[in-house]
C-alpha cells in the first residue's frame, strides 16, 4: 500500500497521509517494513547528533543494490532550515532519481 514519509524530529506534516519518522533510524525501520514510499519530505537536522544523512546513505545503498525500487512518480521535498544540509539532500536525491527513477 503506497504511503508518504515525513522525516522530522519536531514538525508535523500538513498532509495527514504522511507517516512520521522522528529520526533516521525510525525512517530506515519504516522503509524496511513498508517498502519505498511514494514521497519523502526531508528535514536535515534531527534530534541530537542525528541527521537525515544517515537515512539517506542507507536509502541510496538500498536503491543502488536493488533492495528498494523507486516507485513510478516518486517525489521528494525538503523543508529543512539548514541551507547546506538542504542542498546536500537535493543533490543526492536528484542524482538517485536521475539514475534509478522511472
PDB file of N, CA and C in Angstrom:
ATOM      1  N   UNK A   1       0.848  -1.182   0.000  1.00  0.00           N
ATOM      2  CA  UNK A   1       0.000   0.000   0.000  1.00  0.00           C
ATOM      3  C   UNK A   1       0.891   1.243   0.000  1.00  0.00           C
ATOM      4  N   UNK A   2       0.694   2.140  -0.933  1.00  0.00           N
ATOM      5  CA  UNK A   2       1.531   3.338  -1.011  1.00  0.00           C
ATOM      6  C   UNK A   2       1.380   4.207   0.244  1.00  0.00           C
ATOM      7  N   UNK A   3       2.465   4.827   0.595  1.00  0.00           N
ATOM      8  CA  UNK A   3       2.442   5.746   1.726  1.00  0.00           C
ATOM      9  C   UNK A   3       3.447   6.863   1.478  1.00  0.00           C
ATOM     10  N   UNK A   4       3.355   7.920   2.286  1.00  0.00           N
ATOM     11  CA  UNK A   4       4.274   9.047   2.221  1.00  0.00           C
ATOM     12  C   UNK A   4       5.027   9.107   3.546  1.00  0.00           C
ATOM     13  N   UNK A   5       6.302   9.486   3.475  1.00  0.00           N
ATOM     14  CA  UNK A   5       7.156   9.516   4.662  1.00  0.00           C
ATOM     15  C   UNK A   5       7.618  10.936   4.952  1.00  0.00           C
ATOM     16  N   UNK A   6       7.399  11.383   6.182  1.00  0.00           N
ATOM     17  CA  UNK A   6       7.784  12.710   6.647  1.00  0.00           C
ATOM     18  C   UNK A   6       8.855  12.507   7.715  1.00  0.00           C
ATOM     19  N   UNK A   7      10.095  12.934   7.429  1.00  0.00           N
ATOM     20  CA  UNK A   7      11.199  12.751   8.365  1.00  0.00           C
ATOM     21  C   UNK A   7      11.519  14.095   9.006  1.00  0.00           C
ATOM     22  N   UNK A   8      11.195  14.213  10.289  1.00  0.00           N
ATOM     23  CA  UNK A   8      11.401  15.466  11.012  1.00  0.00           C
ATOM     24  C   UNK A   8      11.270  15.178  12.507  1.00  0.00           C
ATOM     25  N   UNK A   9      12.156  15.754  13.302  1.00  0.00           N
ATOM     26  CA  UNK A   9      12.123  15.499  14.743  1.00  0.00           C
ATOM     27  C   UNK A   9      11.155  16.395  15.502  1.00  0.00           C
ATOM     28  N   UNK A  10      10.622  17.442  14.882  1.00  0.00           N
ATOM     29  CA  UNK A  10       9.759  18.379  15.594  1.00  0.00           C
ATOM     30  C   UNK A  10       8.434  18.665  14.899  1.00  0.00           C
ATOM     31  N   UNK A  11       8.479  18.929  13.614  1.00  0.00           N
ATOM     32  CA  UNK A  11       7.297  19.410  12.895  1.00  0.00           C
ATOM     33  C   UNK A  11       6.329  18.273  12.579  1.00  0.00           C
ATOM     34  N   UNK A  12       5.134  18.697  12.190  1.00  0.00           N
ATOM     35  CA  UNK A  12       4.109  17.769  11.740  1.00  0.00           C
ATOM     36  C   UNK A  12       3.737  18.115  10.301  1.00  0.00           C
ATOM     37  N   UNK A  13       3.443  17.116   9.487  1.00  0.00           N
ATOM     38  CA  UNK A  13       3.064  17.398   8.101  1.00  0.00           C
ATOM     39  C   UNK A  13       1.663  18.006   8.031  1.00  0.00           C
ATOM     40  N   UNK A  14       1.454  18.828   7.024  1.00  0.00           N
ATOM     41  CA  UNK A  14       0.121  19.391   6.783  1.00  0.00           C
ATOM     42  C   UNK A  14      -0.795  18.301   6.225  1.00  0.00           C
ATOM     43  N   UNK A  15      -0.240  17.443   5.388  1.00  0.00           N
ATOM     44  CA  UNK A  15      -0.986  16.356   4.759  1.00  0.00           C
ATOM     45  C   UNK A  15      -1.079  15.172   5.728  1.00  0.00           C
ATOM     46  N   UNK A  16      -2.282  14.778   6.146  1.00  0.00           N
ATOM     47  CA  UNK A  16      -2.425  13.682   7.102  1.00  0.00           C
ATOM     48  C   UNK A  16      -2.052  12.308   6.532  1.00  0.00           C
ATOM     49  N   UNK A  17      -1.822  12.219   5.230  1.00  0.00           N
ATOM     50  CA  UNK A  17      -1.436  10.942   4.629  1.00  0.00           C
ATOM     51  C   UNK A  17       0.013  10.562   4.943  1.00  0.00           C
ATOM     52  N   UNK A  18       0.811  11.508   5.424  1.00  0.00           N
ATOM     53  CA  UNK A  18       2.208  11.218   5.740  1.00  0.00           C
ATOM     54  C   UNK A  18       2.323  10.412   7.024  1.00  0.00           C
ATOM     55  N   UNK A  19       3.249   9.456   7.032  1.00  0.00           N
ATOM     56  CA  UNK A  19       3.669   8.773   8.252  1.00  0.00           C
ATOM     57  C   UNK A  19       4.917   9.502   8.734  1.00  0.00           C
ATOM     58  N   UNK A  20       5.039   9.688  10.028  1.00  0.00           N
ATOM     59  CA  UNK A  20       6.128  10.481  10.586  1.00  0.00           C
ATOM     60  C   UNK A  20       7.215   9.595  11.162  1.00  0.00           C
ATOM     61  N   UNK A  21       8.464   9.910  10.790  1.00  0.00           N
ATOM     62  CA  UNK A  21       9.646   9.309  11.412  1.00  0.00           C
ATOM     63  C   UNK A  21      10.395  10.447  12.091  1.00  0.00           C
ATOM     64  N   UNK A  22      10.647  10.317  13.374  1.00  0.00           N
ATOM     65  CA  UNK A  22      11.284  11.381  14.143  1.00  0.00           C
ATOM     66  C   UNK A  22      12.801  11.333  14.110  1.00  0.00           C
ATOM     67  N   UNK A  23      13.373  10.242  13.615  1.00  0.00           N
ATOM     68  CA  UNK A  23      14.827  10.148  13.480  1.00  0.00           C
ATOM     69  C   UNK A  23      15.151   9.232  12.308  1.00  0.00           C
ATOM     70  N   UNK A  24      16.428   9.188  11.944  1.00  0.00           N
ATOM     71  CA  UNK A  24      16.822   8.420  10.765  1.00  0.00           C
ATOM     72  C   UNK A  24      16.600   6.923  10.963  1.00  0.00           C
ATOM     73  N   UNK A  25      16.744   6.450  12.191  1.00  0.00           N
ATOM     74  CA  UNK A  25      16.581   5.016  12.454  1.00  0.00           C
ATOM     75  C   UNK A  25      15.127   4.588  12.330  1.00  0.00           C
ATOM     76  N   UNK A  26      14.195   5.434  12.778  1.00  0.00           N
ATOM     77  CA  UNK A  26      12.777   5.145  12.577  1.00  0.00           C
ATOM     78  C   UNK A  26      12.428   5.161  11.089  1.00  0.00           C
ATOM     79  N   UNK A  27      13.029   6.067  10.335  1.00  0.00           N
ATOM     80  CA  UNK A  27      12.777   6.138   8.893  1.00  0.00           C
ATOM     81  C   UNK A  27      13.282   4.876   8.191  1.00  0.00           C
ATOM     82  N   UNK A  28      14.470   4.417   8.566  1.00  0.00           N
ATOM     83  CA  UNK A  28      15.007   3.171   7.986  1.00  0.00           C
ATOM     84  C   UNK A  28      14.080   2.008   8.319  1.00  0.00           C
ATOM     85  N   UNK A  29      13.682   1.906   9.585  1.00  0.00           N
ATOM     86  CA  UNK A  29      12.791   0.827  10.007  1.00  0.00           C
ATOM     87  C   UNK A  29      11.496   0.856   9.201  1.00  0.00           C
ATOM     88  N   UNK A  30      10.929   2.044   9.016  1.00  0.00           N
ATOM     89  CA  UNK A  30       9.666   2.165   8.302  1.00  0.00           C
ATOM     90  C   UNK A  30       9.802   1.692   6.854  1.00  0.00           C
ATOM     91  N   UNK A  31      10.876   2.091   6.183  1.00  0.00           N
ATOM     92  CA  UNK A  31      11.066   1.675   4.794  1.00  0.00           C
ATOM     93  C   UNK A  31      11.327   0.172   4.713  1.00  0.00           C
ATOM     94  N   UNK A  32      12.056  -0.368   5.664  1.00  0.00           N
ATOM     95  CA  UNK A  32      12.272  -1.825   5.680  1.00  0.00           C
ATOM     96  C   UNK A  32      10.951  -2.570   5.852  1.00  0.00           C
ATOM     97  N   UNK A  33      10.057  -2.036   6.680  1.00  0.00           N
ATOM     98  CA  UNK A  33       8.784  -2.698   6.955  1.00  0.00           C
ATOM     99  C   UNK A  33       7.739  -2.479   5.865  1.00  0.00           C
ATOM    100  N   UNK A  34       7.677  -1.266   5.324  1.00  0.00           N
ATOM    101  CA  UNK A  34       6.589  -0.890   4.417  1.00  0.00           C
ATOM    102  C   UNK A  34       7.007  -0.761   2.960  1.00  0.00           C
ATOM    103  N   UNK A  35       8.308  -0.813   2.690  1.00  0.00           N
ATOM    104  CA  UNK A  35       8.783  -0.602   1.331  1.00  0.00           C
ATOM    105  C   UNK A  35       9.014   0.871   1.057  1.00  0.00           C
ATOM    106  N   UNK A  36       9.358   1.168  -0.161  1.00  0.00           N
ATOM    107  CA  UNK A  36       9.676   2.541  -0.539  1.00  0.00           C
ATOM    108  C   UNK A  36       8.413   3.393  -0.588  1.00  0.00           C
ATOM    109  N   UNK A  37       8.445   4.550   0.054  1.00  0.00           N
ATOM    110  CA  UNK A  37       7.278   5.441  -0.009  1.00  0.00           C
ATOM    111  C   UNK A  37       7.148   6.075  -1.393  1.00  0.00           C
ATOM    112  N   UNK A  38       5.980   6.598  -1.668  1.00  0.00           N
ATOM    113  CA  UNK A  38       5.768   7.291  -2.938  1.00  0.00           C
ATOM    114  C   UNK A  38       6.322   8.711  -2.885  1.00  0.00           C
ATOM    115  N   UNK A  39       6.496   9.226  -1.659  1.00  0.00           N
ATOM    116  CA  UNK A  39       7.009  10.579  -1.464  1.00  0.00           C
ATOM    117  C   UNK A  39       7.733  10.640  -0.121  1.00  0.00           C
ATOM    118  N   UNK A  40       8.820  11.408  -0.079  1.00  0.00           N
ATOM    119  CA  UNK A  40       9.533  11.643   1.170  1.00  0.00           C
ATOM    120  C   UNK A  40       9.696  13.148   1.360  1.00  0.00           C
ATOM    121  N   UNK A  41       9.370  13.626   2.555  1.00  0.00           N
ATOM    122  CA  UNK A  41       9.592  15.025   2.938  1.00  0.00           C
ATOM    123  C   UNK A  41      10.728  15.034   3.960  1.00  0.00           C
ATOM    124  N   UNK A  42      11.807  15.751   3.650  1.00  0.00           N
ATOM    125  CA  UNK A  42      13.022  15.707   4.449  1.00  0.00           C
ATOM    126  C   UNK A  42      13.251  16.956   5.291  1.00  0.00           C
ATOM    127  N   UNK A  43      13.598  16.733   6.556  1.00  0.00           N
ATOM    128  CA  UNK A  43      14.271  17.734   7.384  1.00  0.00           C
ATOM    129  C   UNK A  43      15.709  17.241   7.480  1.00  0.00           C
ATOM    130  N   UNK A  44      16.675  18.116   7.632  1.00  0.00           N
ATOM    131  CA  UNK A  44      18.071  17.679   7.716  1.00  0.00           C
ATOM    132  C   UNK A  44      18.487  17.361   9.135  1.00  0.00           C
ATOM    133  N   UNK A  45      18.388  18.337  10.025  1.00  0.00           N
ATOM    134  CA  UNK A  45      18.864  18.177  11.397  1.00  0.00           C
ATOM    135  C   UNK A  45      17.783  17.528  12.243  1.00  0.00           C
ATOM    136  N   UNK A  46      18.092  16.333  12.728  1.00  0.00           N
ATOM    137  CA  UNK A  46      17.156  15.623  13.584  1.00  0.00           C
ATOM    138  C   UNK A  46      17.651  15.758  15.022  1.00  0.00           C
ATOM    139  N   UNK A  47      17.128  15.015  15.936  1.00  0.00           N
ATOM    140  CA  UNK A  47      17.495  15.209  17.337  1.00  0.00           C
ATOM    141  C   UNK A  47      18.924  14.749  17.635  1.00  0.00           C
ATOM    142  N   UNK A  48      19.554  15.437  18.578  1.00  0.00           N
ATOM    143  CA  UNK A  48      20.920  15.090  18.980  1.00  0.00           C
ATOM    144  C   UNK A  48      21.896  15.242  17.825  1.00  0.00           C
ATOM    145  N   UNK A  49      22.723  14.232  17.642  1.00  0.00           N
ATOM    146  CA  UNK A  49      23.706  14.247  16.566  1.00  0.00           C
ATOM    147  C   UNK A  49      23.174  13.628  15.280  1.00  0.00           C
ATOM    148  N   UNK A  50      21.940  13.200  15.287  1.00  0.00           N
ATOM    149  CA  UNK A  50      21.349  12.536  14.129  1.00  0.00           C
ATOM    150  C   UNK A  50      21.012  13.557  13.049  1.00  0.00           C
ATOM    151  N   UNK A  51      21.298  13.198  11.829  1.00  0.00           N
ATOM    152  CA  UNK A  51      20.834  13.963  10.669  1.00  0.00           C
ATOM    153  C   UNK A  51      20.196  12.982   9.702  1.00  0.00           C
ATOM    154  N   UNK A  52      19.424  13.503   8.785  1.00  0.00           N
ATOM    155  CA  UNK A  52      18.760  12.657   7.803  1.00  0.00           C
ATOM    156  C   UNK A  52      19.773  11.986   6.863  1.00  0.00           C
ATOM    157  N   UNK A  53      21.022  12.443   6.883  1.00  0.00           N
ATOM    158  CA  UNK A  53      22.039  11.842   6.009  1.00  0.00           C
ATOM    159  C   UNK A  53      22.276  10.376   6.364  1.00  0.00           C
ATOM    160  N   UNK A  54      22.067   9.987   7.618  1.00  0.00           N
ATOM    161  CA  UNK A  54      22.173   8.575   7.999  1.00  0.00           C
ATOM    162  C   UNK A  54      21.145   7.763   7.229  1.00  0.00           C
ATOM    163  N   UNK A  55      19.907   8.243   7.220  1.00  0.00           N
ATOM    164  CA  UNK A  55      18.861   7.579   6.443  1.00  0.00           C
ATOM    165  C   UNK A  55      19.190   7.621   4.965  1.00  0.00           C
ATOM    166  N   UNK A  56      19.605   8.771   4.465  1.00  0.00           N
ATOM    167  CA  UNK A  56      19.826   8.944   3.034  1.00  0.00           C
ATOM    168  C   UNK A  56      20.935   8.036   2.512  1.00  0.00           C
ATOM    169  N   UNK A  57      22.013   7.876   3.277  1.00  0.00           N
ATOM    170  CA  UNK A  57      23.081   6.948   2.851  1.00  0.00           C
ATOM    171  C   UNK A  57      22.545   5.526   2.779  1.00  0.00           C
ATOM    172  N   UNK A  58      21.767   5.126   3.789  1.00  0.00           N
ATOM    173  CA  UNK A  58      21.176   3.788   3.778  1.00  0.00           C
ATOM    174  C   UNK A  58      20.225   3.640   2.589  1.00  0.00           C
ATOM    175  N   UNK A  59      19.395   4.635   2.359  1.00  0.00           N
ATOM    176  CA  UNK A  59      18.408   4.610   1.283  1.00  0.00           C
ATOM    177  C   UNK A  59      19.097   4.508  -0.084  1.00  0.00           C
ATOM    178  N   UNK A  60      20.134   5.308  -0.293  1.00  0.00           N
ATOM    179  CA  UNK A  60      20.892   5.247  -1.551  1.00  0.00           C
ATOM    180  C   UNK A  60      21.450   3.847  -1.776  1.00  0.00           C
ATOM    181  N   UNK A  61      22.087   3.288  -0.757  1.00  0.00           N
ATOM    182  CA  UNK A  61      22.655   1.942  -0.891  1.00  0.00           C
ATOM    183  C   UNK A  61      21.577   0.918  -1.209  1.00  0.00           C
ATOM    184  N   UNK A  62      20.424   1.021  -0.550  1.00  0.00           N
ATOM    185  CA  UNK A  62      19.334   0.075  -0.792  1.00  0.00           C
ATOM    186  C   UNK A  62      18.814   0.178  -2.222  1.00  0.00           C
ATOM    187  N   UNK A  63      18.718   1.388  -2.756  1.00  0.00           N
ATOM    188  CA  UNK A  63      18.268   1.565  -4.140  1.00  0.00           C
ATOM    189  C   UNK A  63      19.334   1.061  -5.114  1.00  0.00           C
ATOM    190  N   UNK A  64      20.576   1.446  -4.895  1.00  0.00           N
ATOM    191  CA  UNK A  64      21.669   1.031  -5.783  1.00  0.00           C
ATOM    192  C   UNK A  64      21.821  -0.490  -5.799  1.00  0.00           C
ATOM    193  N   UNK A  65      21.670  -1.116  -4.639  1.00  0.00           N
ATOM    194  CA  UNK A  65      21.814  -2.575  -4.537  1.00  0.00           C
ATOM    195  C   UNK A  65      20.576  -3.336  -4.995  1.00  0.00           C
ATOM    196  N   UNK A  66      19.516  -2.620  -5.361  1.00  0.00           N
ATOM    197  CA  UNK A  66      18.305  -3.265  -5.854  1.00  0.00           C
ATOM    198  C   UNK A  66      17.406  -3.809  -4.752  1.00  0.00           C
ATOM    199  N   UNK A  67      17.666  -3.455  -3.507  1.00  0.00           N
ATOM    200  CA  UNK A  67      16.825  -3.887  -2.392  1.00  0.00           C
ATOM    201  C   UNK A  67      15.510  -3.123  -2.412  1.00  0.00           C
ATOM    202  N   UNK A  68      15.572  -1.873  -2.841  1.00  0.00           N
ATOM    203  CA  UNK A  68      14.399  -0.999  -2.934  1.00  0.00           C
ATOM    204  C   UNK A  68      14.318  -0.444  -4.350  1.00  0.00           C
ATOM    205  N   UNK A  69      13.122  -0.436  -4.895  1.00  0.00           N
ATOM    206  CA  UNK A  69      12.888   0.210  -6.190  1.00  0.00           C
ATOM    207  C   UNK A  69      12.103   1.497  -5.945  1.00  0.00           C
ATOM    208  N   UNK A  70      12.534   2.570  -6.595  1.00  0.00           N
ATOM    209  CA  UNK A  70      11.769   3.807  -6.519  1.00  0.00           C
ATOM    210  C   UNK A  70      10.464   3.607  -7.282  1.00  0.00           C
ATOM    211  N   UNK A  71       9.322   3.917  -6.660  1.00  0.00           N
ATOM    212  CA  UNK A  71       8.054   3.731  -7.370  1.00  0.00           C
ATOM    213  C   UNK A  71       7.893   4.753  -8.495  1.00  0.00           C
ATOM    214  N   UNK A  72       7.039   4.417  -9.426  1.00  0.00           N
ATOM    215  CA  UNK A  72       6.722   5.342 -10.503  1.00  0.00           C
ATOM    216  C   UNK A  72       6.182   6.630  -9.883  1.00  0.00           C
ATOM    217  N   UNK A  73       6.599   7.759 -10.418  1.00  0.00           N
ATOM    218  CA  UNK A  73       6.190   9.090  -9.946  1.00  0.00           C
ATOM    219  C   UNK A  73       6.688   9.406  -8.536  1.00  0.00           C
ATOM    220  N   UNK A  74       7.754   8.741  -8.091  1.00  0.00           N
ATOM    221  CA  UNK A  74       8.345   9.039  -6.795  1.00  0.00           C
ATOM    222  C   UNK A  74       8.736  10.513  -6.754  1.00  0.00           C
ATOM    223  N   UNK A  75       8.514  11.165  -5.617  1.00  0.00           N
ATOM    224  CA  UNK A  75       8.914  12.560  -5.468  1.00  0.00           C
ATOM    225  C   UNK A  75       9.390  12.812  -4.042  1.00  0.00           C
ATOM    226  N   UNK A  76      10.028  13.947  -3.875  1.00  0.00           N
ATOM    227  CA  UNK A  76      10.509  14.318  -2.551  1.00  0.00           C
ATOM    228  C   UNK A  76      10.437  15.829  -2.405  1.00  0.00           C
ATOM    229  N   UNK A  77      10.525  16.266  -1.149  1.00  0.00           N
ATOM    230  CA  UNK A  77      10.611  17.696  -0.850  1.00  0.00           C
ATOM    231  C   UNK A  77      11.558  17.859   0.334  1.00  0.00           C
ATOM    232  N   UNK A  78      12.087  19.064   0.468  1.00  0.00           N
ATOM    233  CA  UNK A  78      12.994  19.374   1.569  1.00  0.00           C
ATOM    234  C   UNK A  78      12.437  20.592   2.291  1.00  0.00           C
ATOM    235  N   UNK A  79      12.208  20.459   3.583  1.00  0.00           N
ATOM    236  CA  UNK A  79      11.680  21.576   4.367  1.00  0.00           C
ATOM    237  C   UNK A  79      12.660  22.008   5.459  1.00  0.00           C
ATOM    238  N   UNK A  80      13.911  21.615   5.334  1.00  0.00           N
ATOM    239  CA  UNK A  80      14.936  21.935   6.321  1.00  0.00           C
ATOM    240  C   UNK A  80      15.277  23.427   6.319  1.00  0.00           C
ATOM    241  N   UNK A  81      15.568  23.957   7.492  1.00  0.00           N
ATOM    242  CA  UNK A  81      16.024  25.346   7.625  1.00  0.00           C
ATOM    243  C   UNK A  81      17.548  25.445   7.498  1.00  0.00           C
ATOM    244  N   UNK A  82      18.220  24.307   7.341  1.00  0.00           N
ATOM    245  CA  UNK A  82      19.673  24.254   7.188  1.00  0.00           C
ATOM    246  C   UNK A  82      19.986  24.318   5.692  1.00  0.00           C
ATOM    247  N   UNK A  83      20.461  25.465   5.161  1.00  0.00           N
ATOM    248  CA  UNK A  83      20.643  25.597   3.716  1.00  0.00           C
ATOM    249  C   UNK A  83      21.674  24.633   3.131  1.00  0.00           C
ATOM    250  N   UNK A  84      22.765  24.394   3.827  1.00  0.00           N
ATOM    251  CA  UNK A  84      23.784  23.460   3.322  1.00  0.00           C
ATOM    252  C   UNK A  84      23.248  22.033   3.354  1.00  0.00           C
ATOM    253  N   UNK A  85      22.602  21.669   4.464  1.00  0.00           N
ATOM    254  CA  UNK A  85      22.010  20.332   4.571  1.00  0.00           C
ATOM    255  C   UNK A  85      20.932  20.116   3.522  1.00  0.00           C
ATOM    256  N   UNK A  86      20.096  21.124   3.301  1.00  0.00           N
ATOM    257  CA  UNK A  86      19.033  21.013   2.304  1.00  0.00           C
ATOM    258  C   UNK A  86      19.607  20.804   0.910  1.00  0.00           C
ATOM    259  N   UNK A  87      20.667  21.519   0.587  1.00  0.00           N
ATOM    260  CA  UNK A  87      21.297  21.359  -0.727  1.00  0.00           C
ATOM    261  C   UNK A  87      21.923  19.974  -0.873  1.00  0.00           C
ATOM    262  N   UNK A  88      22.515  19.458   0.192  1.00  0.00           N
ATOM    263  CA  UNK A  88      23.080  18.098   0.147  1.00  0.00           C
ATOM    264  C   UNK A  88      21.993  17.063  -0.124  1.00  0.00           C
ATOM    265  N   UNK A  89      20.848  17.218   0.529  1.00  0.00           N
ATOM    266  CA  UNK A  89      19.735  16.294   0.297  1.00  0.00           C
ATOM    267  C   UNK A  89      19.279  16.383  -1.153  1.00  0.00           C
ATOM    268  N   UNK A  90      19.049  17.600  -1.646  1.00  0.00           N
ATOM    269  CA  UNK A  90      18.588  17.778  -3.032  1.00  0.00           C
ATOM    270  C   UNK A  90      19.570  17.183  -4.035  1.00  0.00           C
ATOM    271  N   UNK A  91      20.836  17.441  -3.836  1.00  0.00           N
ATOM    272  CA  UNK A  91      21.852  16.942  -4.759  1.00  0.00           C
ATOM    273  C   UNK A  91      21.848  15.416  -4.809  1.00  0.00           C
ATOM    274  N   UNK A  92      21.834  14.791  -3.655  1.00  0.00           N
ATOM    275  CA  UNK A  92      21.872  13.323  -3.609  1.00  0.00           C
ATOM    276  C   UNK A  92      20.584  12.712  -4.142  1.00  0.00           C
ATOM    277  N   UNK A  93      19.440  13.287  -3.786  1.00  0.00           N
ATOM    278  CA  UNK A  93      18.169  12.744  -4.264  1.00  0.00           C
ATOM    279  C   UNK A  93      18.013  12.950  -5.770  1.00  0.00           C
ATOM    280  N   UNK A  94      18.406  14.106  -6.277  1.00  0.00           N
ATOM    281  CA  UNK A  94      18.312  14.333  -7.718  1.00  0.00           C
ATOM    282  C   UNK A  94      19.157  13.325  -8.493  1.00  0.00           C
ATOM    283  N   UNK A  95      20.347  13.033  -8.022  1.00  0.00           N
ATOM    284  CA  UNK A  95      21.202  12.034  -8.686  1.00  0.00           C
ATOM    285  C   UNK A  95      20.593  10.645  -8.612  1.00  0.00           C
ATOM    286  N   UNK A  96      20.044  10.302  -7.473  1.00  0.00           N
ATOM    287  CA  UNK A  96      19.423   8.988  -7.310  1.00  0.00           C
ATOM    288  C   UNK A  96      18.235   8.821  -8.254  1.00  0.00           C
ATOM    289  N   UNK A  97      17.391   9.832  -8.318  1.00  0.00           N
ATOM    290  CA  UNK A  97      16.232   9.784  -9.201  1.00  0.00           C
ATOM    291  C   UNK A  97      16.668   9.773 -10.667  1.00  0.00           C
ATOM    292  N   UNK A  98      17.688  10.542 -10.987  1.00  0.00           N
ATOM    293  CA  UNK A  98      18.191  10.591 -12.367  1.00  0.00           C
ATOM    294  C   UNK A  98      18.621   9.205 -12.833  1.00  0.00           C
ATOM    295  N   UNK A  99      19.270   8.452 -11.968  1.00  0.00           N
ATOM    296  CA  UNK A  99      19.818   7.149 -12.374  1.00  0.00           C
ATOM    297  C   UNK A  99      18.894   5.974 -12.114  1.00  0.00           C
ATOM    298  N   UNK A 100      17.968   6.086 -11.143  1.00  0.00           N
ATOM    299  CA  UNK A 100      17.163   4.928 -10.768  1.00  0.00           C
ATOM    300  C   UNK A 100      15.663   5.180 -10.805  1.00  0.00           C
ATOM    301  N   UNK A 101      15.250   6.407 -11.109  1.00  0.00           N
ATOM    302  CA  UNK A 101      13.815   6.701 -11.178  1.00  0.00           C
ATOM    303  C   UNK A 101      13.220   6.280 -12.501  1.00  0.00           C
ATOM    304  N   UNK A 102      11.912   6.231 -12.536  1.00  0.00           N
ATOM    305  CA  UNK A 102      11.220   5.861 -13.776  1.00  0.00           C
ATOM    306  C   UNK A 102      10.815   7.100 -14.529  1.00  0.00           C
TER     307      UNK A 102
END
